[in-house]
């Protein structure tokens, strides 16, 4: 399995560390281990206590060392830490906070969207490798991530949206699509036979949330540099348009770029021959900017699919 690299394993471990289910298991593990240590120390003390009682004297002997004293206090300390973590998590969670409008909650929602997007790009069925024609083999990571990370993150987004006091009439249709996606995606994860193809993630919701971000001069400068670089690199390719979409338009914490490309390739031979060129472009992009480039390429044979995808984007930027 070529995709199962050390980097993928580390990312998966990090995903679990921020997964609410993992946090609960971790706190229970601390508590249980602390209880075991306390019981173990008490049992050992009872086993190593020796007493000799006669009519004239009483002799008691107990085995003890410094390590035993440390372990005696280590157990209660773990129990105390686990109780504190439980209190912090659930006392904070129980406090229902409300937000005045979508702009005020957009920062919180953005964190969950970026994490879901990163996971989808890394191991989802439509990741870059599958887009470039490679068979994506590591579906086990994707299935686990859906259940343990994306579904809880979606529920957090759902709860945050429900806490918004005022959603405008223009915003509501987009928010309603997100509600529908969250419910149907969760049902599909629980039961894969349920079809949610009509309730895919609404890209316009992502655009709506990220649109509240304030652009910085540094980000504009970087985008302009990339635009100039693309004009040079794509000059020999049969390109009609290259458009930037997604979080790079809004977030200053840029780690990758999403580009929508339309080409004039009109036959299978042309598409196959240019596949290597697009892979090379991704590699050169990383060398030039130390950022990942995600390409979504549509040929002339896929004009309808390209138009459908563009229709879902409320915000995009021409790069050529």
C-alpha atoms as a PDB file:
ATOM      1  CA  UNK A   1       0.000   0.000   0.000  1.00  0.00           C
ATOM      2  CA  UNK A   2       1.986   2.986  -1.285  1.00  0.00           C
ATOM      3  CA  UNK A   3      -0.152   5.600   0.465  1.00  0.00           C
ATOM      4  CA  UNK A   4       0.388   4.129   3.938  1.00  0.00           C
ATOM      5  CA  UNK A   5       3.451   6.236   4.775  1.00  0.00           C
ATOM      6  CA  UNK A   6       4.906   7.280   8.109  1.00  0.00           C
ATOM      7  CA  UNK A   7       3.461  10.728   7.537  1.00  0.00           C
ATOM      8  CA  UNK A   8      -0.045   9.260   7.068  1.00  0.00           C
ATOM      9  CA  UNK A   9       0.276   7.238  10.265  1.00  0.00           C
ATOM     10  CA  UNK A  10       1.416  10.288  12.249  1.00  0.00           C
ATOM     11  CA  UNK A  11      -1.440  12.378  10.824  1.00  0.00           C
ATOM     12  CA  UNK A  12      -3.923   9.708  11.793  1.00  0.00           C
ATOM     13  CA  UNK A  13      -2.564   9.650  15.350  1.00  0.00           C
ATOM     14  CA  UNK A  14      -2.827  13.431  15.549  1.00  0.00           C
ATOM     15  CA  UNK A  15      -6.386  13.271  14.254  1.00  0.00           C
ATOM     16  CA  UNK A  16      -7.287  10.893  17.043  1.00  0.00           C
ATOM     17  CA  UNK A  17      -5.670  13.124  19.650  1.00  0.00           C
ATOM     18  CA  UNK A  18      -8.097  15.914  18.802  1.00  0.00           C
ATOM     19  CA  UNK A  19     -11.043  13.582  18.409  1.00  0.00           C
ATOM     20  CA  UNK A  20     -13.582  14.021  21.258  1.00  0.00           C
ATOM     21  CA  UNK A  21     -14.085  10.252  21.521  1.00  0.00           C
ATOM     22  CA  UNK A  22     -10.363   9.758  21.999  1.00  0.00           C
ATOM     23  CA  UNK A  23     -10.294  12.432  24.709  1.00  0.00           C
ATOM     24  CA  UNK A  24     -12.998  10.602  26.648  1.00  0.00           C
ATOM     25  CA  UNK A  25     -11.166   7.281  26.360  1.00  0.00           C
ATOM     26  CA  UNK A  26      -7.937   8.951  27.473  1.00  0.00           C
ATOM     27  CA  UNK A  27      -9.549  10.455  30.583  1.00  0.00           C
ATOM     28  CA  UNK A  28     -11.141   7.132  31.504  1.00  0.00           C
ATOM     29  CA  UNK A  29      -7.774   5.440  31.034  1.00  0.00           C
ATOM     30  CA  UNK A  30      -6.114   7.894  33.428  1.00  0.00           C
ATOM     31  CA  UNK A  31      -8.819   7.319  36.031  1.00  0.00           C
ATOM     32  CA  UNK A  32      -8.714   3.524  35.689  1.00  0.00           C
ATOM     33  CA  UNK A  33      -4.924   3.379  35.849  1.00  0.00           C
ATOM     34  CA  UNK A  34      -4.942   5.546  38.968  1.00  0.00           C
ATOM     35  CA  UNK A  35      -7.470   3.272  40.682  1.00  0.00           C
ATOM     36  CA  UNK A  36      -5.419   0.197  39.751  1.00  0.00           C
ATOM     37  CA  UNK A  37      -2.279   1.753  41.247  1.00  0.00           C
ATOM     38  CA  UNK A  38      -4.050   2.616  44.504  1.00  0.00           C
ATOM     39  CA  UNK A  39      -5.499  -0.901  44.843  1.00  0.00           C
ATOM     40  CA  UNK A  40      -2.179  -2.477  43.858  1.00  0.00           C
ATOM     41  CA  UNK A  41      -0.237  -0.534  46.496  1.00  0.00           C
ATOM     42  CA  UNK A  42      -2.773  -1.424  49.184  1.00  0.00           C
ATOM     43  CA  UNK A  43      -2.617  -5.108  48.222  1.00  0.00           C
ATOM     44  CA  UNK A  44       1.189  -5.191  48.200  1.00  0.00           C
ATOM     45  CA  UNK A  45       1.363  -3.514  51.611  1.00  0.00           C
ATOM     46  CA  UNK A  46      -0.928  -6.149  53.072  1.00  0.00           C
ATOM     47  CA  UNK A  47       1.141  -8.966  51.538  1.00  0.00           C
ATOM     48  CA  UNK A  48       4.551  -7.746  52.716  1.00  0.00           C
ATOM     49  CA  UNK A  49       3.468  -7.002  56.290  1.00  0.00           C
ATOM     50  CA  UNK A  50       4.906  -9.609  58.672  1.00  0.00           C
ATOM     51  CA  UNK A  51       3.836  -9.831  62.319  1.00  0.00           C
ATOM     52  CA  UNK A  52       5.073 -12.149  65.076  1.00  0.00           C
ATOM     53  CA  UNK A  53       3.110 -11.961  68.301  1.00  0.00           C
ATOM     54  CA  UNK A  54       4.070 -13.844  71.515  1.00  0.00           C
ATOM     55  CA  UNK A  55       3.190 -13.425  75.167  1.00  0.00           C
ATOM     56  CA  UNK A  56       6.255 -11.273  75.832  1.00  0.00           C
ATOM     57  CA  UNK A  57       6.676  -9.219  72.647  1.00  0.00           C
ATOM     58  CA  UNK A  58       5.187  -8.204  69.298  1.00  0.00           C
ATOM     59  CA  UNK A  59       7.329  -7.969  66.110  1.00  0.00           C
ATOM     60  CA  UNK A  60       6.099  -6.204  62.939  1.00  0.00           C
ATOM     61  CA  UNK A  61       8.094  -5.943  59.689  1.00  0.00           C
ATOM     62  CA  UNK A  62       7.094  -4.059  56.529  1.00  0.00           C
ATOM     63  CA  UNK A  63       8.994  -3.880  53.228  1.00  0.00           C
ATOM     64  CA  UNK A  64       9.178  -0.307  51.997  1.00  0.00           C
ATOM     65  CA  UNK A  65      11.343   1.827  49.747  1.00  0.00           C
ATOM     66  CA  UNK A  66      11.337   5.240  48.131  1.00  0.00           C
ATOM     67  CA  UNK A  67       9.851   3.966  44.866  1.00  0.00           C
ATOM     68  CA  UNK A  68       6.859   2.532  46.733  1.00  0.00           C
ATOM     69  CA  UNK A  69       6.197   5.895  48.352  1.00  0.00           C
ATOM     70  CA  UNK A  70       6.266   7.624  44.960  1.00  0.00           C
ATOM     71  CA  UNK A  71       3.886   5.076  43.407  1.00  0.00           C
ATOM     72  CA  UNK A  72       1.550   5.439  46.397  1.00  0.00           C
ATOM     73  CA  UNK A  73       0.977   9.109  45.545  1.00  0.00           C
ATOM     74  CA  UNK A  74       1.103   8.613  41.765  1.00  0.00           C
ATOM     75  CA  UNK A  75      -2.203   6.721  41.707  1.00  0.00           C
ATOM     76  CA  UNK A  76      -4.242   9.404  43.543  1.00  0.00           C
ATOM     77  CA  UNK A  77      -2.565  12.053  41.363  1.00  0.00           C
ATOM     78  CA  UNK A  78      -3.786  10.335  38.165  1.00  0.00           C
ATOM     79  CA  UNK A  79      -7.290  10.082  39.602  1.00  0.00           C
ATOM     80  CA  UNK A  80      -7.253  13.788  40.495  1.00  0.00           C
ATOM     81  CA  UNK A  81      -6.017  14.778  37.007  1.00  0.00           C
ATOM     82  CA  UNK A  82      -8.697  12.672  35.270  1.00  0.00           C
ATOM     83  CA  UNK A  83     -11.470  14.174  37.433  1.00  0.00           C
ATOM     84  CA  UNK A  84     -10.168  17.672  36.642  1.00  0.00           C
ATOM     85  CA  UNK A  85     -10.143  16.934  32.881  1.00  0.00           C
ATOM     86  CA  UNK A  86     -13.674  15.544  33.037  1.00  0.00           C
ATOM     87  CA  UNK A  87     -14.827  18.656  34.868  1.00  0.00           C
ATOM     88  CA  UNK A  88     -13.126  21.042  32.434  1.00  0.00           C
ATOM     89  CA  UNK A  89     -14.526  19.317  29.378  1.00  0.00           C
ATOM     90  CA  UNK A  90     -18.102  18.724  30.406  1.00  0.00           C
ATOM     91  CA  UNK A  91     -18.595  21.863  32.479  1.00  0.00           C
ATOM     92  CA  UNK A  92     -17.422  23.924  29.492  1.00  0.00           C
ATOM     93  CA  UNK A  93     -19.537  21.891  27.084  1.00  0.00           C
ATOM     94  CA  UNK A  94     -22.645  22.310  29.186  1.00  0.00           C
ATOM     95  CA  UNK A  95     -22.405  26.097  28.982  1.00  0.00           C
ATOM     96  CA  UNK A  96     -24.547  26.909  25.963  1.00  0.00           C
ATOM     97  CA  UNK A  97     -23.168  29.957  24.184  1.00  0.00           C
ATOM     98  CA  UNK A  98     -25.125  31.918  21.649  1.00  0.00           C
ATOM     99  CA  UNK A  99     -23.810  33.984  18.738  1.00  0.00           C
ATOM    100  CA  UNK A 100     -25.343  37.121  17.311  1.00  0.00           C
ATOM    101  CA  UNK A 101     -24.821  36.247  13.640  1.00  0.00           C
ATOM    102  CA  UNK A 102     -22.861  34.005  11.286  1.00  0.00           C
ATOM    103  CA  UNK A 103     -19.883  36.352  11.214  1.00  0.00           C
ATOM    104  CA  UNK A 104     -19.401  36.067  14.979  1.00  0.00           C
ATOM    105  CA  UNK A 105     -19.346  32.250  14.843  1.00  0.00           C
ATOM    106  CA  UNK A 106     -17.439  31.894  11.570  1.00  0.00           C
ATOM    107  CA  UNK A 107     -14.047  31.594  13.298  1.00  0.00           C
ATOM    108  CA  UNK A 108     -15.187  28.570  15.319  1.00  0.00           C
ATOM    109  CA  UNK A 109     -16.804  26.895  12.316  1.00  0.00           C
ATOM    110  CA  UNK A 110     -13.739  27.538  10.165  1.00  0.00           C
ATOM    111  CA  UNK A 111     -11.551  25.372  12.422  1.00  0.00           C
ATOM    112  CA  UNK A 112     -13.784  22.339  11.903  1.00  0.00           C
ATOM    113  CA  UNK A 113     -14.105  22.961   8.163  1.00  0.00           C
ATOM    114  CA  UNK A 114     -10.332  23.172   7.724  1.00  0.00           C
ATOM    115  CA  UNK A 115      -9.762  19.940   9.638  1.00  0.00           C
ATOM    116  CA  UNK A 116     -12.429  18.082   7.643  1.00  0.00           C
ATOM    117  CA  UNK A 117     -11.007  19.430   4.424  1.00  0.00           C
ATOM    118  CA  UNK A 118      -7.472  18.362   5.319  1.00  0.00           C
ATOM    119  CA  UNK A 119      -8.617  14.827   6.088  1.00  0.00           C
ATOM    120  CA  UNK A 120     -10.647  14.655   2.875  1.00  0.00           C
ATOM    121  CA  UNK A 121      -7.662  15.858   0.835  1.00  0.00           C
ATOM    122  CA  UNK A 122      -5.300  13.400   2.523  1.00  0.00           C
ATOM    123  CA  UNK A 123      -7.313  10.187   2.383  1.00  0.00           C
ATOM    124  CA  UNK A 124     -10.766  10.821   0.884  1.00  0.00           C
ATOM    125  CA  UNK A 125     -12.099   9.021  -2.205  1.00  0.00           C
ATOM    126  CA  UNK A 126     -11.647  12.194  -4.262  1.00  0.00           C
ATOM    127  CA  UNK A 127      -8.156  13.010  -3.032  1.00  0.00           C
ATOM    128  CA  UNK A 128      -5.490  14.324  -5.377  1.00  0.00           C
ATOM    129  CA  UNK A 129      -4.093  10.882  -6.123  1.00  0.00           C
ATOM    130  CA  UNK A 130      -7.422   9.582  -7.347  1.00  0.00           C
ATOM    131  CA  UNK A 131      -7.996  12.807  -9.304  1.00  0.00           C
ATOM    132  CA  UNK A 132      -4.731  12.195 -11.133  1.00  0.00           C
ATOM    133  CA  UNK A 133      -5.801   8.681 -12.105  1.00  0.00           C
ATOM    134  CA  UNK A 134      -4.123   6.655  -9.340  1.00  0.00           C
ATOM    135  CA  UNK A 135      -5.972   3.964  -7.400  1.00  0.00           C
ATOM    136  CA  UNK A 136      -6.439   5.106  -3.837  1.00  0.00           C
ATOM    137  CA  UNK A 137      -5.844   2.052  -1.697  1.00  0.00           C
ATOM    138  CA  UNK A 138      -5.854   3.253   1.889  1.00  0.00           C
ATOM    139  CA  UNK A 139      -9.629   3.446   2.326  1.00  0.00           C
ATOM    140  CA  UNK A 140      -9.443   2.072   5.863  1.00  0.00           C
ATOM    141  CA  UNK A 141      -8.043   5.379   7.127  1.00  0.00           C
ATOM    142  CA  UNK A 142     -10.833   7.271   5.354  1.00  0.00           C
ATOM    143  CA  UNK A 143     -13.580   5.062   6.804  1.00  0.00           C
ATOM    144  CA  UNK A 144     -12.174   5.451  10.320  1.00  0.00           C
ATOM    145  CA  UNK A 145     -11.711   9.208   9.922  1.00  0.00           C
ATOM    146  CA  UNK A 146     -15.293   9.666   8.741  1.00  0.00           C
ATOM    147  CA  UNK A 147     -16.700   8.043  11.860  1.00  0.00           C
ATOM    148  CA  UNK A 148     -14.273   9.304  14.484  1.00  0.00           C
ATOM    149  CA  UNK A 149     -13.441  12.806  13.241  1.00  0.00           C
ATOM    150  CA  UNK A 150     -15.632  14.194  10.453  1.00  0.00           C
ATOM    151  CA  UNK A 151     -18.997  13.181  11.943  1.00  0.00           C
ATOM    152  CA  UNK A 152     -18.178  14.705  15.385  1.00  0.00           C
ATOM    153  CA  UNK A 153     -16.829  17.829  13.682  1.00  0.00           C
ATOM    154  CA  UNK A 154     -20.013  18.105  11.612  1.00  0.00           C
ATOM    155  CA  UNK A 155     -22.082  17.786  14.786  1.00  0.00           C
ATOM    156  CA  UNK A 156     -20.060  20.608  16.338  1.00  0.00           C
ATOM    157  CA  UNK A 157     -20.781  22.762  13.264  1.00  0.00           C
ATOM    158  CA  UNK A 158     -24.476  21.839  13.524  1.00  0.00           C
ATOM    159  CA  UNK A 159     -24.573  22.898  17.185  1.00  0.00           C
ATOM    160  CA  UNK A 160     -22.766  26.155  16.446  1.00  0.00           C
ATOM    161  CA  UNK A 161     -25.183  27.022  13.642  1.00  0.00           C
ATOM    162  CA  UNK A 162     -28.125  26.270  15.917  1.00  0.00           C
ATOM    163  CA  UNK A 163     -26.705  28.736  18.453  1.00  0.00           C
ATOM    164  CA  UNK A 164     -26.776  31.650  15.978  1.00  0.00           C
ATOM    165  CA  UNK A 165     -29.527  34.116  16.837  1.00  0.00           C
ATOM    166  CA  UNK A 166     -29.835  35.799  13.448  1.00  0.00           C
ATOM    167  CA  UNK A 167     -29.353  34.256   9.996  1.00  0.00           C
ATOM    168  CA  UNK A 168     -30.313  36.425   7.026  1.00  0.00           C
ATOM    169  CA  UNK A 169     -32.727  35.318   4.323  1.00  0.00           C
ATOM    170  CA  UNK A 170     -29.838  35.246   1.825  1.00  0.00           C
ATOM    171  CA  UNK A 171     -27.730  33.052   4.117  1.00  0.00           C
ATOM    172  CA  UNK A 172     -30.450  30.644   5.197  1.00  0.00           C
ATOM    173  CA  UNK A 173     -30.688  28.499   1.998  1.00  0.00           C
ATOM    174  CA  UNK A 174     -26.937  27.817   2.210  1.00  0.00           C
ATOM    175  CA  UNK A 175     -27.103  27.017   5.942  1.00  0.00           C
ATOM    176  CA  UNK A 176     -30.091  24.732   5.315  1.00  0.00           C
ATOM    177  CA  UNK A 177     -28.043  22.788   2.727  1.00  0.00           C
ATOM    178  CA  UNK A 178     -25.325  22.319   5.351  1.00  0.00           C
ATOM    179  CA  UNK A 179     -27.865  21.048   7.878  1.00  0.00           C
ATOM    180  CA  UNK A 180     -29.131  18.554   5.309  1.00  0.00           C
ATOM    181  CA  UNK A 181     -25.601  17.420   4.462  1.00  0.00           C
ATOM    182  CA  UNK A 182     -24.683  16.874   8.124  1.00  0.00           C
ATOM    183  CA  UNK A 183     -27.766  14.768   8.828  1.00  0.00           C
ATOM    184  CA  UNK A 184     -27.527  12.632   5.679  1.00  0.00           C
ATOM    185  CA  UNK A 185     -23.751  12.162   5.884  1.00  0.00           C
ATOM    186  CA  UNK A 186     -24.046  10.952   9.484  1.00  0.00           C
ATOM    187  CA  UNK A 187     -26.808   8.534   8.475  1.00  0.00           C
ATOM    188  CA  UNK A 188     -24.640   7.248   5.611  1.00  0.00           C
ATOM    189  CA  UNK A 189     -21.668   6.640   7.910  1.00  0.00           C
ATOM    190  CA  UNK A 190     -23.894   4.647  10.288  1.00  0.00           C
ATOM    191  CA  UNK A 191     -25.461   2.769   7.388  1.00  0.00           C
ATOM    192  CA  UNK A 192     -23.442   2.800   4.112  1.00  0.00           C
ATOM    193  CA  UNK A 193     -26.464   1.585   2.135  1.00  0.00           C
ATOM    194  CA  UNK A 194     -28.086   5.000   2.630  1.00  0.00           C
ATOM    195  CA  UNK A 195     -27.494   7.185  -0.441  1.00  0.00           C
ATOM    196  CA  UNK A 196     -26.552  10.800   0.299  1.00  0.00           C
ATOM    197  CA  UNK A 197     -25.459  11.710  -3.239  1.00  0.00           C
ATOM    198  CA  UNK A 198     -28.114  14.448  -3.347  1.00  0.00           C
ATOM    199  CA  UNK A 199     -26.803  15.929  -0.102  1.00  0.00           C
ATOM    200  CA  UNK A 200     -23.089  16.379  -0.792  1.00  0.00           C
ATOM    201  CA  UNK A 201     -21.085  18.985   1.100  1.00  0.00           C
ATOM    202  CA  UNK A 202     -22.225  22.433  -0.148  1.00  0.00           C
ATOM    203  CA  UNK A 203     -19.149  24.330  -1.317  1.00  0.00           C
ATOM    204  CA  UNK A 204     -21.150  27.537  -1.074  1.00  0.00           C
ATOM    205  CA  UNK A 205     -21.330  27.061   2.707  1.00  0.00           C
ATOM    206  CA  UNK A 206     -17.532  26.999   2.905  1.00  0.00           C
ATOM    207  CA  UNK A 207     -17.372  30.121   0.745  1.00  0.00           C
ATOM    208  CA  UNK A 208     -19.940  31.831   2.956  1.00  0.00           C
ATOM    209  CA  UNK A 209     -18.019  31.120   6.171  1.00  0.00           C
ATOM    210  CA  UNK A 210     -14.581  31.952   4.783  1.00  0.00           C
ATOM    211  CA  UNK A 211     -15.879  35.144   3.208  1.00  0.00           C
ATOM    212  CA  UNK A 212     -16.024  36.669   6.693  1.00  0.00           C
ATOM    213  CA  UNK A 213     -12.216  36.469   6.924  1.00  0.00           C
ATOM    214  CA  UNK A 214     -10.299  39.686   6.429  1.00  0.00           C
ATOM    215  CA  UNK A 215      -7.672  39.527   3.652  1.00  0.00           C
ATOM    216  CA  UNK A 216      -4.117  40.468   4.595  1.00  0.00           C
ATOM    217  CA  UNK A 217      -1.452  42.183   2.515  1.00  0.00           C
ATOM    218  CA  UNK A 218       0.849  39.167   2.913  1.00  0.00           C
ATOM    219  CA  UNK A 219      -1.779  36.818   1.492  1.00  0.00           C
ATOM    220  CA  UNK A 220      -2.496  39.097  -1.457  1.00  0.00           C
ATOM    221  CA  UNK A 221       1.213  39.354  -2.178  1.00  0.00           C
ATOM    222  CA  UNK A 222       1.596  35.567  -2.120  1.00  0.00           C
ATOM    223  CA  UNK A 223      -1.401  35.013  -4.400  1.00  0.00           C
ATOM    224  CA  UNK A 224      -0.033  37.537  -6.900  1.00  0.00           C
ATOM    225  CA  UNK A 225       3.362  35.800  -6.871  1.00  0.00           C
ATOM    226  CA  UNK A 226       1.683  32.446  -7.506  1.00  0.00           C
ATOM    227  CA  UNK A 227      -0.378  33.940 -10.312  1.00  0.00           C
ATOM    228  CA  UNK A 228       2.780  35.177 -12.064  1.00  0.00           C
ATOM    229  CA  UNK A 229       4.434  31.773 -11.533  1.00  0.00           C
ATOM    230  CA  UNK A 230       1.439  29.919 -13.023  1.00  0.00           C
ATOM    231  CA  UNK A 231       1.415  32.137 -16.115  1.00  0.00           C
ATOM    232  CA  UNK A 232       4.988  31.080 -16.794  1.00  0.00           C
ATOM    233  CA  UNK A 233       4.582  27.395 -15.932  1.00  0.00           C
ATOM    234  CA  UNK A 234       1.317  26.886 -17.844  1.00  0.00           C
ATOM    235  CA  UNK A 235       2.369  28.659 -21.010  1.00  0.00           C
ATOM    236  CA  UNK A 236       3.081  25.371 -22.825  1.00  0.00           C
ATOM    237  CA  UNK A 237      -0.062  23.625 -21.575  1.00  0.00           C
ATOM    238  CA  UNK A 238      -3.374  23.608 -23.384  1.00  0.00           C
ATOM    239  CA  UNK A 239      -5.098  25.690 -20.672  1.00  0.00           C
ATOM    240  CA  UNK A 240      -8.305  27.691 -21.010  1.00  0.00           C
ATOM    241  CA  UNK A 241      -8.575  28.929 -17.422  1.00  0.00           C
ATOM    242  CA  UNK A 242      -7.048  28.475 -13.973  1.00  0.00           C
ATOM    243  CA  UNK A 243      -9.098  29.647 -11.003  1.00  0.00           C
ATOM    244  CA  UNK A 244      -8.316  29.724  -7.288  1.00  0.00           C
ATOM    245  CA  UNK A 245     -11.026  28.633  -4.852  1.00  0.00           C
ATOM    246  CA  UNK A 246     -11.325  27.443  -1.268  1.00  0.00           C
ATOM    247  CA  UNK A 247      -9.634  28.498   1.969  1.00  0.00           C
ATOM    248  CA  UNK A 248      -6.608  30.201   0.368  1.00  0.00           C
ATOM    249  CA  UNK A 249      -8.945  33.016  -0.640  1.00  0.00           C
ATOM    250  CA  UNK A 250      -9.833  33.726   2.996  1.00  0.00           C
ATOM    251  CA  UNK A 251      -7.438  32.143   5.477  1.00  0.00           C
ATOM    252  CA  UNK A 252      -4.039  33.639   6.308  1.00  0.00           C
ATOM    253  CA  UNK A 253      -2.902  30.229   7.591  1.00  0.00           C
ATOM    254  CA  UNK A 254      -2.271  28.939   4.077  1.00  0.00           C
ATOM    255  CA  UNK A 255      -0.910  25.409   3.841  1.00  0.00           C
ATOM    256  CA  UNK A 256      -2.145  24.518   0.363  1.00  0.00           C
ATOM    257  CA  UNK A 257      -3.816  25.876  -2.765  1.00  0.00           C
ATOM    258  CA  UNK A 258      -6.899  24.622  -4.598  1.00  0.00           C
ATOM    259  CA  UNK A 259      -6.908  25.326  -8.319  1.00  0.00           C
ATOM    260  CA  UNK A 260      -9.688  24.614 -10.782  1.00  0.00           C
ATOM    261  CA  UNK A 261      -8.262  24.057 -14.258  1.00  0.00           C
ATOM    262  CA  UNK A 262     -10.070  23.858 -17.586  1.00  0.00           C
ATOM    263  CA  UNK A 263      -8.146  22.608 -20.622  1.00  0.00           C
ATOM    264  CA  UNK A 264      -8.740  22.302 -24.338  1.00  0.00           C
ATOM    265  CA  UNK A 265      -7.748  18.626 -24.343  1.00  0.00           C
ATOM    266  CA  UNK A 266     -10.341  16.969 -26.532  1.00  0.00           C
ATOM    267  CA  UNK A 267      -9.237  13.334 -26.664  1.00  0.00           C
ATOM    268  CA  UNK A 268      -8.126  10.629 -24.245  1.00  0.00           C
ATOM    269  CA  UNK A 269      -4.578  10.609 -25.633  1.00  0.00           C
ATOM    270  CA  UNK A 270      -4.126  14.322 -24.900  1.00  0.00           C
ATOM    271  CA  UNK A 271      -5.522  13.939 -21.390  1.00  0.00           C
ATOM    272  CA  UNK A 272      -3.180  11.048 -20.599  1.00  0.00           C
ATOM    273  CA  UNK A 273      -0.129  12.772 -22.028  1.00  0.00           C
ATOM    274  CA  UNK A 274      -0.753  15.906 -19.943  1.00  0.00           C
ATOM    275  CA  UNK A 275      -1.271  13.984 -16.696  1.00  0.00           C
ATOM    276  CA  UNK A 276       2.494  13.869 -16.094  1.00  0.00           C
ATOM    277  CA  UNK A 277       2.701  17.585 -16.764  1.00  0.00           C
ATOM    278  CA  UNK A 278       0.144  18.331 -14.052  1.00  0.00           C
ATOM    279  CA  UNK A 279       1.973  16.076 -11.590  1.00  0.00           C
ATOM    280  CA  UNK A 280       5.190  17.896 -12.394  1.00  0.00           C
ATOM    281  CA  UNK A 281       3.427  21.219 -11.840  1.00  0.00           C
ATOM    282  CA  UNK A 282       2.391  20.112  -8.347  1.00  0.00           C
ATOM    283  CA  UNK A 283       5.946  19.076  -7.535  1.00  0.00           C
ATOM    284  CA  UNK A 284       7.459  22.317  -8.848  1.00  0.00           C
ATOM    285  CA  UNK A 285       4.856  24.343  -6.982  1.00  0.00           C
ATOM    286  CA  UNK A 286       5.915  22.795  -3.677  1.00  0.00           C
ATOM    287  CA  UNK A 287       9.573  23.480  -4.435  1.00  0.00           C
ATOM    288  CA  UNK A 288       8.812  27.106  -5.255  1.00  0.00           C
ATOM    289  CA  UNK A 289       6.417  27.972  -2.408  1.00  0.00           C
ATOM    290  CA  UNK A 290       6.659  25.101   0.149  1.00  0.00           C
ATOM    291  CA  UNK A 291       2.899  24.654  -0.227  1.00  0.00           C
ATOM    292  CA  UNK A 292       0.784  21.761  -1.480  1.00  0.00           C
ATOM    293  CA  UNK A 293      -1.049  22.286  -4.739  1.00  0.00           C
ATOM    294  CA  UNK A 294      -4.385  20.528  -5.257  1.00  0.00           C
ATOM    295  CA  UNK A 295      -5.473  20.453  -8.893  1.00  0.00           C
ATOM    296  CA  UNK A 296      -8.948  19.736 -10.146  1.00  0.00           C
ATOM    297  CA  UNK A 297      -8.568  19.402 -13.925  1.00  0.00           C
ATOM    298  CA  UNK A 298     -11.441  19.315 -16.433  1.00  0.00           C
ATOM    299  CA  UNK A 299     -10.875  18.648 -20.125  1.00  0.00           C
ATOM    300  CA  UNK A 300     -12.969  19.879 -23.033  1.00  0.00           C
ATOM    301  CA  UNK A 301     -14.803  16.546 -22.826  1.00  0.00           C
ATOM    302  CA  UNK A 302     -15.904  17.470 -19.287  1.00  0.00           C
ATOM    303  CA  UNK A 303     -17.306  20.937 -19.943  1.00  0.00           C
ATOM    304  CA  UNK A 304     -20.650  20.072 -18.355  1.00  0.00           C
ATOM    305  CA  UNK A 305     -19.019  18.770 -15.162  1.00  0.00           C
ATOM    306  CA  UNK A 306     -16.819  21.859 -15.058  1.00  0.00           C
ATOM    307  CA  UNK A 307     -19.828  24.156 -15.368  1.00  0.00           C
ATOM    308  CA  UNK A 308     -21.647  22.272 -12.598  1.00  0.00           C
ATOM    309  CA  UNK A 309     -18.669  22.596 -10.276  1.00  0.00           C
ATOM    310  CA  UNK A 310     -18.232  26.295 -11.027  1.00  0.00           C
ATOM    311  CA  UNK A 311     -21.926  26.887 -10.281  1.00  0.00           C
ATOM    312  CA  UNK A 312     -21.333  25.690  -6.719  1.00  0.00           C
ATOM    313  CA  UNK A 313     -18.596  28.243  -6.104  1.00  0.00           C
ATOM    314  CA  UNK A 314     -19.793  31.593  -4.827  1.00  0.00           C
ATOM    315  CA  UNK A 315     -16.227  32.951  -4.709  1.00  0.00           C
ATOM    316  CA  UNK A 316     -13.302  32.222  -7.024  1.00  0.00           C
ATOM    317  CA  UNK A 317     -10.368  34.114  -8.481  1.00  0.00           C
ATOM    318  CA  UNK A 318      -8.835  33.985 -11.927  1.00  0.00           C
ATOM    319  CA  UNK A 319      -5.108  33.164 -11.767  1.00  0.00           C
ATOM    320  CA  UNK A 320      -4.143  33.535 -15.438  1.00  0.00           C
END
